[in-house]
Amino acid sequence: MSLKVVKFGGSSLASADQFRKVASIIKADKNRRYAVASAPGKRFTGDFKVTDMFYLLYDKASSGESIEELFGEISYRYTDIANDLGVDLPLDKELSKIKAALYGMAGRDYAASRGEYLNSMILAKHMGYDFIDAAEVIFFKTDGTFDAERTNAVLSERLKKHEYAVVPGFYGSMPNGTIKTFSRGGSDITGSILARAANATLYENWTDVSGFLMTDPRIVENPKVIETITYRELRELSYMGATVLHEDAIFPVQIAGIPINIKNTNAPDDPGTMIVASSDKYDTKNIITGIAGKKGFSSIHIEKDMMNGEVGFTRKILSVFEEMNISFEHLPSGIDTMTIMLKTADIDAIREQLIASIKKAVKPDSIYIQDGIALVAVVGRAMVKAKGTAAKVFKAIASADVNIKMIDQGSDEMNIIIGIEEGDFEKAVNAIYKEFIA
């Protein structure tokens, strides 16, 4: 039997008219039985996302400022949607409860989660679906990590009691009952969790674009839509900055082998992008699947004669990072040199301490930090079968007059990552895209 879980993002549920589009989409297919709702997004340029407003609300309440005016703006967003849709809900009661909790310092995560909570209640009532509070079925462990197995067991049993239901995205509960949120964009994760628990045949993630684009449209004009992408490719692109789907949303459905379809609420007939466990299908002309990248990296350069013959040299350096609780991105090396790529923000406050610790551990001949680095990832499952892919990347970079500071290629040959100066980032992405996409 076919069963679909659908998740709708903030832009899809920003107004009453958008709610009607969502309802029409869900009702068009009886197999769309379980829905996940985000908080209202922006309705127009210059508008505010409700989640951001709730964060600000909490900050004001915690600092002793009045929240009445801002809370009134948030309340109006919801009552306006509910009244326009003609749904009968005790919103005043719910809003009063939330305000009291905020004054009572219920927590930042609690405040942020109320956007999804209220929107889901409205959508459930409008659709005639049951409402399931995510706090009752999605759980975190004491250390704040997601409790996947307990959640799957409880949620699976709960869904058996509801033929159709709406579940708020973005949050769950801690063992002590307090609200805990995923990172921003976490409603994608909730949808994936729900799809696994429901044993869905498909997880549809509805947003405001007709699929996953090959690269950032803010950098490259009108990039192509990816028709099919694998979990592993998506993981690589998401980690490097592609933002259509939260990178952690892949894991629950990957366990169950459930495909994801990225769809456009405003163009529901567009096929979108299919995200699958594996695929031999690819564009023989283009080879690559996508290009993504991020700024904000630094490199630590270490030089020492004969380091390749010094047993435990790398281990000693990595032990320093472990002791200081710093993760690194890449570790390219030569015979007498090593470069460690990491996020600048992770070392800003401890630079001198980090350098001193490395000097003490391995006594290098030279060590220095270089900031202002961007990483660009070229990803594609077809790259392993195509000769000259790396040469084409380097040709594109050279033609754009960009200097490469670091090169790293995964052992599975699915990606090539280059480090460049931040000022060359947009130029490099455009050059690579034009080189590969006719």
Protein backbone atom coordinates (compact mmCIF):
# COMPACT_ATOMS: atom_id res chain seq x y z
CA MET A 1 0.00 0.00 0.00
CA SER A 2 1.34 3.45 -0.93
CA LEU A 3 1.72 5.92 1.94
CA LYS A 4 3.21 9.38 1.72
CA VAL A 5 4.48 11.75 4.38
CA VAL A 6 4.46 15.40 3.33
CA LYS A 7 6.32 18.30 4.89
CA PHE A 8 5.57 21.93 4.05
CA GLY A 9 8.07 24.72 4.71
CA GLY A 10 7.46 28.18 6.08
CA SER A 11 6.90 29.84 2.72
CA SER A 12 4.25 27.22 1.94
CA LEU A 13 2.34 28.11 5.13
CA ALA A 14 2.93 31.84 5.41
CA SER A 15 -0.67 32.94 4.76
CA ALA A 16 -4.24 31.67 4.46
CA ASP A 17 -3.93 31.51 0.66
CA GLN A 18 -0.85 29.32 1.01
CA PHE A 19 -2.74 27.08 3.46
CA ARG A 20 -5.39 26.59 0.79
CA LYS A 21 -2.73 25.55 -1.73
CA VAL A 22 -1.32 23.08 0.79
CA ALA A 23 -4.76 21.63 1.52
CA SER A 24 -5.42 21.23 -2.18
CA ILE A 25 -2.12 19.41 -2.67
CA ILE A 26 -2.73 17.03 0.24
CA LYS A 27 -6.31 16.25 -0.77
CA ALA A 28 -5.26 15.58 -4.36
CA ASP A 29 -3.70 12.29 -3.24
CA LYS A 30 -5.37 10.11 -0.60
CA ASN A 31 -2.01 8.49 0.10
CA ARG A 32 -0.74 11.76 1.63
CA ARG A 33 -1.77 10.73 5.11
CA TYR A 34 0.69 12.43 7.45
CA ALA A 35 1.83 16.04 7.24
CA VAL A 36 4.55 18.05 8.97
CA ALA A 37 4.13 21.82 9.21
CA SER A 38 6.72 24.57 9.64
CA ALA A 39 6.11 27.97 11.23
CA PRO A 40 4.87 30.78 8.94
CA GLY A 41 7.64 32.16 6.76
CA LYS A 42 7.93 35.48 4.98
CA ARG A 43 4.88 36.66 3.02
CA PHE A 44 6.77 39.33 1.11
CA THR A 45 10.17 40.99 0.93
CA GLY A 46 10.92 42.66 4.23
CA ASP A 47 8.53 40.45 6.19
CA PHE A 48 9.66 38.40 9.20
CA LYS A 49 9.69 34.67 9.75
CA VAL A 50 7.61 33.83 12.80
CA THR A 51 10.38 31.67 14.30
CA ASP A 52 12.70 34.69 14.27
CA MET A 53 9.98 36.70 15.98
CA PHE A 54 9.63 34.05 18.69
CA TYR A 55 13.39 34.06 19.28
CA LEU A 56 13.26 37.84 19.68
CA LEU A 57 10.26 37.47 21.95
CA TYR A 58 12.19 35.15 24.25
CA ASP A 59 15.21 37.48 24.31
CA LYS A 60 12.98 40.39 25.32
CA ALA A 61 11.22 38.38 28.02
CA SER A 62 14.49 37.06 29.47
CA SER A 63 15.95 40.58 29.66
CA GLY A 64 12.87 41.95 31.43
CA GLU A 65 11.56 43.97 28.48
CA SER A 66 7.89 44.13 27.59
CA ILE A 67 6.78 41.58 25.01
CA GLU A 68 3.23 42.85 24.60
CA GLU A 69 3.65 44.65 21.26
CA LEU A 70 5.70 41.91 19.59
CA PHE A 71 3.46 39.18 20.98
CA GLY A 72 0.50 41.05 19.54
CA GLU A 73 2.12 40.98 16.08
CA ILE A 74 2.70 37.25 16.32
CA SER A 75 -0.82 36.63 17.60
CA TYR A 76 -2.24 38.58 14.66
CA ARG A 77 -0.34 36.39 12.16
CA TYR A 78 -2.12 33.31 13.50
CA THR A 79 -5.56 34.75 14.14
CA ASP A 80 -5.53 36.33 10.67
CA ILE A 81 -4.79 32.94 9.06
CA ALA A 82 -7.33 31.11 11.21
CA ASN A 83 -10.10 33.68 10.64
CA ASP A 84 -9.47 33.78 6.89
CA LEU A 85 -9.70 29.99 6.74
CA GLY A 86 -12.78 29.95 8.96
CA VAL A 87 -11.34 27.43 11.39
CA ASP A 88 -12.72 27.27 14.92
CA LEU A 89 -9.81 26.97 17.34
CA PRO A 90 -9.23 28.21 20.93
CA LEU A 91 -6.26 30.25 19.72
CA ASP A 92 -6.70 32.90 22.42
CA LYS A 93 -6.33 30.22 25.07
CA GLU A 94 -3.22 28.76 23.41
CA LEU A 95 -1.64 32.18 22.94
CA SER A 96 -2.30 33.14 26.56
CA LYS A 97 -0.66 29.92 27.69
CA ILE A 98 2.40 30.63 25.54
CA LYS A 99 2.70 34.21 26.82
CA ALA A 100 2.55 33.02 30.43
CA ALA A 101 5.22 30.41 29.73
CA LEU A 102 7.50 33.03 28.18
CA TYR A 103 7.15 35.30 31.19
CA GLY A 104 7.88 32.22 33.28
CA MET A 105 11.15 31.64 31.39
CA ALA A 106 10.02 28.38 29.75
CA GLY A 107 13.15 28.39 27.58
CA ARG A 108 14.46 29.53 24.24
CA ASP A 109 13.66 26.21 22.54
CA TYR A 110 10.10 26.33 23.87
CA ALA A 111 9.64 29.80 22.41
CA ALA A 112 11.06 28.81 19.02
CA SER A 113 8.88 25.70 18.80
CA ARG A 114 5.57 27.51 19.22
CA GLY A 115 5.60 28.67 15.60
CA GLU A 116 5.29 25.10 14.33
CA TYR A 117 2.95 24.13 17.16
CA LEU A 118 0.34 26.77 16.35
CA ASN A 119 0.61 26.42 12.57
CA SER A 120 0.13 22.66 12.82
CA MET A 121 -2.96 23.06 14.95
CA ILE A 122 -4.47 25.38 12.33
CA LEU A 123 -3.55 23.08 9.43
CA ALA A 124 -4.94 20.01 11.19
CA LYS A 125 -8.25 21.76 11.90
CA HIS A 126 -8.46 23.15 8.36
CA MET A 127 -7.79 19.69 6.87
CA GLY A 128 -9.93 17.74 9.30
CA TYR A 129 -6.82 15.78 10.34
CA ASP A 130 -5.82 14.74 13.86
CA PHE A 131 -3.18 16.82 15.65
CA ILE A 132 -0.24 15.05 17.32
CA ASP A 133 2.06 17.18 19.47
CA ALA A 134 5.67 16.43 18.52
CA ALA A 135 6.67 16.67 22.20
CA GLU A 136 4.71 13.46 22.83
CA VAL A 137 6.37 11.37 20.11
CA ILE A 138 9.83 12.79 19.31
CA PHE A 139 12.49 12.43 21.97
CA PHE A 140 15.97 13.62 22.82
CA LYS A 141 18.44 12.04 25.23
CA THR A 142 19.75 13.72 28.37
CA ASP A 143 22.82 14.96 26.48
CA GLY A 144 20.59 16.67 23.90
CA THR A 145 21.15 14.21 21.06
CA PHE A 146 18.18 12.81 19.17
CA ASP A 147 16.86 9.48 20.51
CA ALA A 148 16.13 7.81 17.17
CA GLU A 149 15.08 4.35 18.33
CA ARG A 150 12.78 5.41 21.17
CA THR A 151 11.18 7.96 18.86
CA ASN A 152 10.66 5.43 16.09
CA ALA A 153 9.06 2.92 18.45
CA VAL A 154 6.69 5.40 20.14
CA LEU A 155 5.81 7.30 16.96
CA SER A 156 5.13 4.12 14.98
CA GLU A 157 2.63 2.95 17.59
CA ARG A 158 1.02 6.38 17.81
CA LEU A 159 0.50 6.65 14.05
CA LYS A 160 -1.38 3.35 14.00
CA LYS A 161 -4.14 5.14 15.92
CA HIS A 162 -4.45 7.97 13.36
CA GLU A 163 -5.34 7.47 9.72
CA TYR A 164 -4.56 11.13 8.94
CA ALA A 165 -2.58 13.50 11.15
CA VAL A 166 -0.49 16.67 11.29
CA VAL A 167 2.69 16.79 13.40
CA PRO A 168 4.60 20.03 14.12
CA GLY A 169 8.13 20.10 12.80
CA PHE A 170 11.37 21.27 14.42
CA TYR A 171 11.00 20.04 18.00
CA GLY A 172 10.57 17.20 20.47
CA SER A 173 11.06 16.77 24.20
CA MET A 174 13.84 16.05 26.67
CA PRO A 175 13.60 13.28 29.32
CA ASN A 176 12.46 15.90 31.87
CA GLY A 177 9.63 16.99 29.57
CA THR A 178 11.09 20.32 28.47
CA ILE A 179 11.01 21.27 24.79
CA LYS A 180 14.11 20.72 22.66
CA THR A 181 14.49 21.87 19.04
CA PHE A 182 16.60 20.61 16.19
CA SER A 183 18.88 23.13 14.49
CA ARG A 184 17.27 25.66 12.13
CA GLY A 185 15.48 23.95 9.26
CA GLY A 186 14.77 21.02 11.54
CA SER A 187 11.24 20.49 10.25
CA ASP A 188 12.89 18.60 7.40
CA ILE A 189 14.26 16.19 10.00
CA THR A 190 10.82 15.77 11.58
CA GLY A 191 9.37 14.84 8.19
CA SER A 192 12.08 12.26 7.67
CA ILE A 193 11.53 10.82 11.17
CA LEU A 194 7.80 10.60 10.49
CA ALA A 195 8.36 8.91 7.13
CA ARG A 196 10.48 6.22 8.75
CA ALA A 197 8.01 5.63 11.60
CA ALA A 198 5.08 5.41 9.17
CA ASN A 199 7.03 3.07 6.86
CA ALA A 200 6.18 5.48 4.05
CA THR A 201 6.79 4.71 0.41
CA LEU A 202 7.69 8.36 -0.26
CA TYR A 203 8.59 11.48 1.71
CA GLU A 204 7.54 14.66 -0.12
CA ASN A 205 9.28 17.83 1.01
CA TRP A 206 7.36 20.84 -0.29
CA THR A 207 9.13 24.19 -0.53
CA ASP A 208 9.22 27.24 -2.82
CA VAL A 209 11.54 25.87 -5.53
CA SER A 210 10.89 23.14 -8.10
CA GLY A 211 13.60 20.82 -6.88
CA PHE A 212 17.21 20.85 -5.84
CA LEU A 213 19.24 23.24 -7.99
CA MET A 214 22.70 22.35 -9.26
CA THR A 215 24.16 25.36 -7.49
CA ASP A 216 23.21 28.53 -5.64
CA PRO A 217 20.93 30.73 -7.82
CA ARG A 218 22.30 33.79 -6.00
CA ILE A 219 25.65 33.04 -7.63
CA VAL A 220 24.75 31.40 -10.94
CA GLU A 221 21.80 32.68 -12.94
CA ASN A 222 19.05 30.10 -13.51
CA PRO A 223 20.96 26.93 -12.60
CA LYS A 224 19.48 23.63 -13.75
CA VAL A 225 17.30 21.48 -11.51
CA ILE A 226 18.76 18.12 -10.49
CA GLU A 227 16.38 15.36 -11.57
CA THR A 228 17.83 12.56 -9.42
CA ILE A 229 20.38 12.69 -6.61
CA THR A 230 21.57 10.05 -4.15
CA TYR A 231 21.57 10.38 -0.37
CA ARG A 232 25.38 10.52 -0.36
CA GLU A 233 25.55 13.26 -2.99
CA LEU A 234 22.95 15.28 -1.15
CA ARG A 235 24.83 14.86 2.11
CA GLU A 236 27.99 16.22 0.47
CA LEU A 237 26.18 19.20 -1.07
CA SER A 238 24.10 19.98 2.03
CA TYR A 239 27.14 19.94 4.28
CA MET A 240 28.89 22.36 1.94
CA GLY A 241 26.09 24.88 2.04
CA ALA A 242 23.23 23.74 -0.24
CA THR A 243 20.11 24.63 1.77
CA VAL A 244 17.00 23.14 0.18
CA LEU A 245 17.01 20.25 2.67
CA HIS A 246 18.54 20.02 6.14
CA GLU A 247 21.60 17.76 5.94
CA ASP A 248 20.48 15.59 8.89
CA ALA A 249 17.10 14.89 7.27
CA ILE A 250 18.74 12.21 5.16
CA PHE A 251 19.55 9.73 7.93
CA PRO A 252 16.09 8.52 9.11
CA VAL A 253 14.85 7.82 5.57
CA GLN A 254 18.20 6.40 4.51
CA ILE A 255 17.87 3.74 7.22
CA ALA A 256 14.51 2.71 5.78
CA GLY A 257 15.41 3.24 2.11
CA ILE A 258 12.62 5.78 1.62
CA PRO A 259 13.05 8.21 -1.32
CA ILE A 260 12.51 11.95 -0.91
CA ASN A 261 10.82 14.13 -3.51
CA ILE A 262 11.57 17.87 -3.33
CA LYS A 263 8.47 19.67 -4.70
CA ASN A 264 7.24 23.23 -5.23
CA THR A 265 4.03 24.25 -3.43
CA ASN A 266 3.48 27.00 -5.98
CA ALA A 267 4.07 24.69 -8.97
CA PRO A 268 2.81 21.29 -7.77
CA ASP A 269 2.88 19.69 -11.23
CA ASP A 270 6.64 20.19 -11.59
CA PRO A 271 8.43 16.85 -11.08
CA GLY A 272 10.98 18.26 -8.66
CA THR A 273 14.02 16.31 -7.53
CA MET A 274 14.05 12.67 -6.46
CA ILE A 275 16.51 11.78 -3.70
CA VAL A 276 17.23 8.06 -3.68
CA ALA A 277 19.50 5.52 -2.01
CA SER A 278 21.41 4.78 -5.21
CA SER A 279 21.09 5.42 -8.91
CA ASP A 280 22.95 4.62 -12.12
CA LYS A 281 21.04 7.38 -13.89
CA TYR A 282 22.97 10.55 -14.66
CA ASP A 283 23.41 13.16 -17.36
CA THR A 284 26.13 11.79 -19.65
CA LYS A 285 26.83 15.28 -20.97
CA ASN A 286 27.33 17.05 -17.65
CA ILE A 287 28.84 14.36 -15.37
CA ILE A 288 28.60 16.40 -12.17
CA THR A 289 25.48 16.50 -10.00
CA GLY A 290 26.01 19.79 -8.21
CA ILE A 291 28.35 22.49 -6.92
CA ALA A 292 28.25 23.94 -3.41
CA GLY A 293 30.54 25.84 -1.12
CA LYS A 294 30.99 27.95 1.97
CA LYS A 295 33.16 30.78 3.22
CA GLY A 296 34.60 31.20 6.68
CA PHE A 297 37.48 28.72 6.82
CA SER A 298 41.08 28.93 8.01
CA SER A 299 44.09 26.74 7.39
CA ILE A 300 46.83 25.84 9.83
CA HIS A 301 50.08 25.17 7.94
CA ILE A 302 52.68 23.00 9.68
CA GLU A 303 56.16 22.32 8.34
CA LYS A 304 58.80 20.00 9.78
CA ASP A 305 61.67 18.23 8.07
CA MET A 306 61.25 14.44 8.00
CA MET A 307 57.78 14.55 9.54
CA ASN A 308 56.83 11.58 7.34
CA GLY A 309 59.30 9.41 9.25
CA GLU A 310 58.20 10.55 12.70
CA VAL A 311 55.90 7.85 14.05
CA GLY A 312 52.76 9.31 15.67
CA PHE A 313 53.25 12.82 14.28
CA THR A 314 49.71 13.20 12.93
CA ARG A 315 48.22 11.52 15.98
CA LYS A 316 49.90 14.04 18.28
CA ILE A 317 48.48 16.96 16.30
CA LEU A 318 44.98 15.51 16.17
CA SER A 319 45.15 14.84 19.91
CA VAL A 320 45.57 18.58 20.43
CA PHE A 321 42.39 19.23 18.45
CA GLU A 322 40.55 16.53 20.37
CA GLU A 323 41.62 17.93 23.74
CA MET A 324 40.43 21.39 22.68
CA ASN A 325 37.17 19.99 21.28
CA ILE A 326 37.82 21.23 17.73
CA SER A 327 36.82 19.30 14.62
CA PHE A 328 38.59 19.80 11.31
CA GLU A 329 37.34 19.69 7.73
CA HIS A 330 40.29 18.44 5.66
CA LEU A 331 43.86 17.32 6.20
CA PRO A 332 45.93 17.48 2.99
CA SER A 333 49.63 16.78 3.50
CA GLY A 334 53.03 16.40 1.85
CA ILE A 335 56.27 14.73 2.96
CA ASP A 336 57.34 17.61 5.20
CA THR A 337 54.13 19.66 5.32
CA MET A 338 50.61 19.35 6.66
CA THR A 339 47.60 21.65 6.27
CA ILE A 340 44.57 21.46 8.52
CA MET A 341 41.39 23.11 7.23
CA LEU A 342 38.82 24.16 9.82
CA LYS A 343 36.10 26.71 10.50
CA THR A 344 37.47 30.10 11.48
CA ALA A 345 34.78 30.57 14.12
CA ASP A 346 35.97 27.44 15.94
CA ILE A 347 39.44 28.86 16.60
CA ASP A 348 38.92 32.62 16.83
CA ALA A 349 38.98 32.71 20.62
CA ILE A 350 41.79 30.18 21.14
CA ARG A 351 44.32 30.83 18.37
CA GLU A 352 47.35 31.45 20.55
CA GLN A 353 46.53 28.52 22.84
CA LEU A 354 46.07 26.21 19.84
CA ILE A 355 49.36 27.19 18.21
CA ALA A 356 51.21 26.84 21.54
CA SER A 357 49.77 23.37 22.10
CA ILE A 358 50.75 22.17 18.61
CA LYS A 359 54.27 23.57 19.07
CA LYS A 360 54.59 21.73 22.35
CA ALA A 361 53.25 18.48 20.87
CA VAL A 362 55.37 18.19 17.69
CA LYS A 363 57.93 21.05 17.73
CA PRO A 364 57.39 22.13 14.09
CA ASP A 365 59.91 24.12 12.09
CA SER A 366 57.15 26.48 11.04
CA ILE A 367 53.47 26.95 11.84
CA TYR A 368 51.03 29.68 10.84
CA ILE A 369 47.30 30.30 10.30
CA GLN A 370 45.77 31.69 7.12
CA ASP A 371 42.22 33.06 7.21
CA GLY A 372 39.74 34.10 4.51
CA ILE A 373 39.41 30.73 2.79
CA ALA A 374 36.34 29.38 1.00
CA LEU A 375 35.73 25.74 0.13
CA VAL A 376 34.01 24.66 -3.09
CA ALA A 377 32.77 21.10 -3.58
CA VAL A 378 32.10 19.56 -6.99
CA VAL A 379 29.95 16.47 -6.45
CA GLY A 380 28.74 13.73 -8.77
CA ARG A 381 28.24 9.96 -8.73
CA ALA A 382 29.27 9.83 -12.41
CA MET A 383 32.66 11.40 -11.76
CA VAL A 384 34.29 8.06 -10.99
CA LYS A 385 33.38 6.84 -14.48
CA ALA A 386 34.46 9.95 -16.35
CA LYS A 387 38.06 10.69 -17.30
CA GLY A 388 39.38 14.21 -16.93
CA THR A 389 36.83 15.52 -14.42
CA ALA A 390 39.50 16.97 -12.13
CA ALA A 391 41.29 18.47 -15.14
CA LYS A 392 38.09 20.25 -16.16
CA VAL A 393 37.67 21.66 -12.64
CA PHE A 394 41.22 22.98 -12.57
CA LYS A 395 40.91 24.33 -16.11
CA ALA A 396 37.80 26.29 -15.12
CA ILE A 397 39.51 27.67 -12.03
CA ALA A 398 42.62 28.67 -13.97
CA SER A 399 40.57 30.36 -16.71
CA ALA A 400 38.87 32.46 -14.03
CA ASP A 401 42.31 33.54 -12.75
CA VAL A 402 41.71 31.94 -9.36
CA ASN A 403 44.53 30.48 -7.28
CA ILE A 404 43.91 27.10 -5.62
CA LYS A 405 45.15 26.81 -2.04
CA MET A 406 43.98 23.28 -1.26
CA ILE A 407 42.80 20.20 -3.17
CA ASP A 408 41.08 17.19 -1.62
CA GLN A 409 39.36 14.32 -3.43
CA GLY A 410 37.36 11.66 -1.60
CA SER A 411 38.47 8.05 -1.91
CA ASP A 412 35.15 7.18 -3.56
CA GLU A 413 35.84 9.84 -6.23
CA MET A 414 32.37 11.32 -5.72
CA ASN A 415 33.65 14.78 -4.87
CA ILE A 416 36.51 17.18 -5.45
CA ILE A 417 36.96 19.94 -2.89
CA ILE A 418 39.13 22.96 -3.49
CA GLY A 419 40.18 25.76 -1.16
CA ILE A 420 40.40 29.29 -2.55
CA GLU A 421 40.41 32.86 -1.28
CA GLU A 422 36.96 34.06 -0.18
CA GLY A 423 37.07 36.93 -2.66
CA ASP A 424 37.25 34.43 -5.52
CA PHE A 425 34.36 32.27 -4.31
CA GLU A 426 31.55 33.46 -6.60
CA LYS A 427 33.89 33.68 -9.58
CA ALA A 428 35.06 30.10 -9.06
CA VAL A 429 31.56 28.64 -8.71
CA ASN A 430 30.43 30.38 -11.91
CA ALA A 431 33.50 29.15 -13.81
CA ILE A 432 33.03 25.52 -12.75
CA TYR A 433 29.32 25.58 -13.58
CA LYS A 434 29.93 27.00 -17.05
CA GLU A 435 32.71 24.46 -17.69
CA PHE A 436 30.44 21.48 -17.01
CA ILE A 437 26.98 22.69 -17.98
CA ALA A 438 26.54 23.32 -21.69
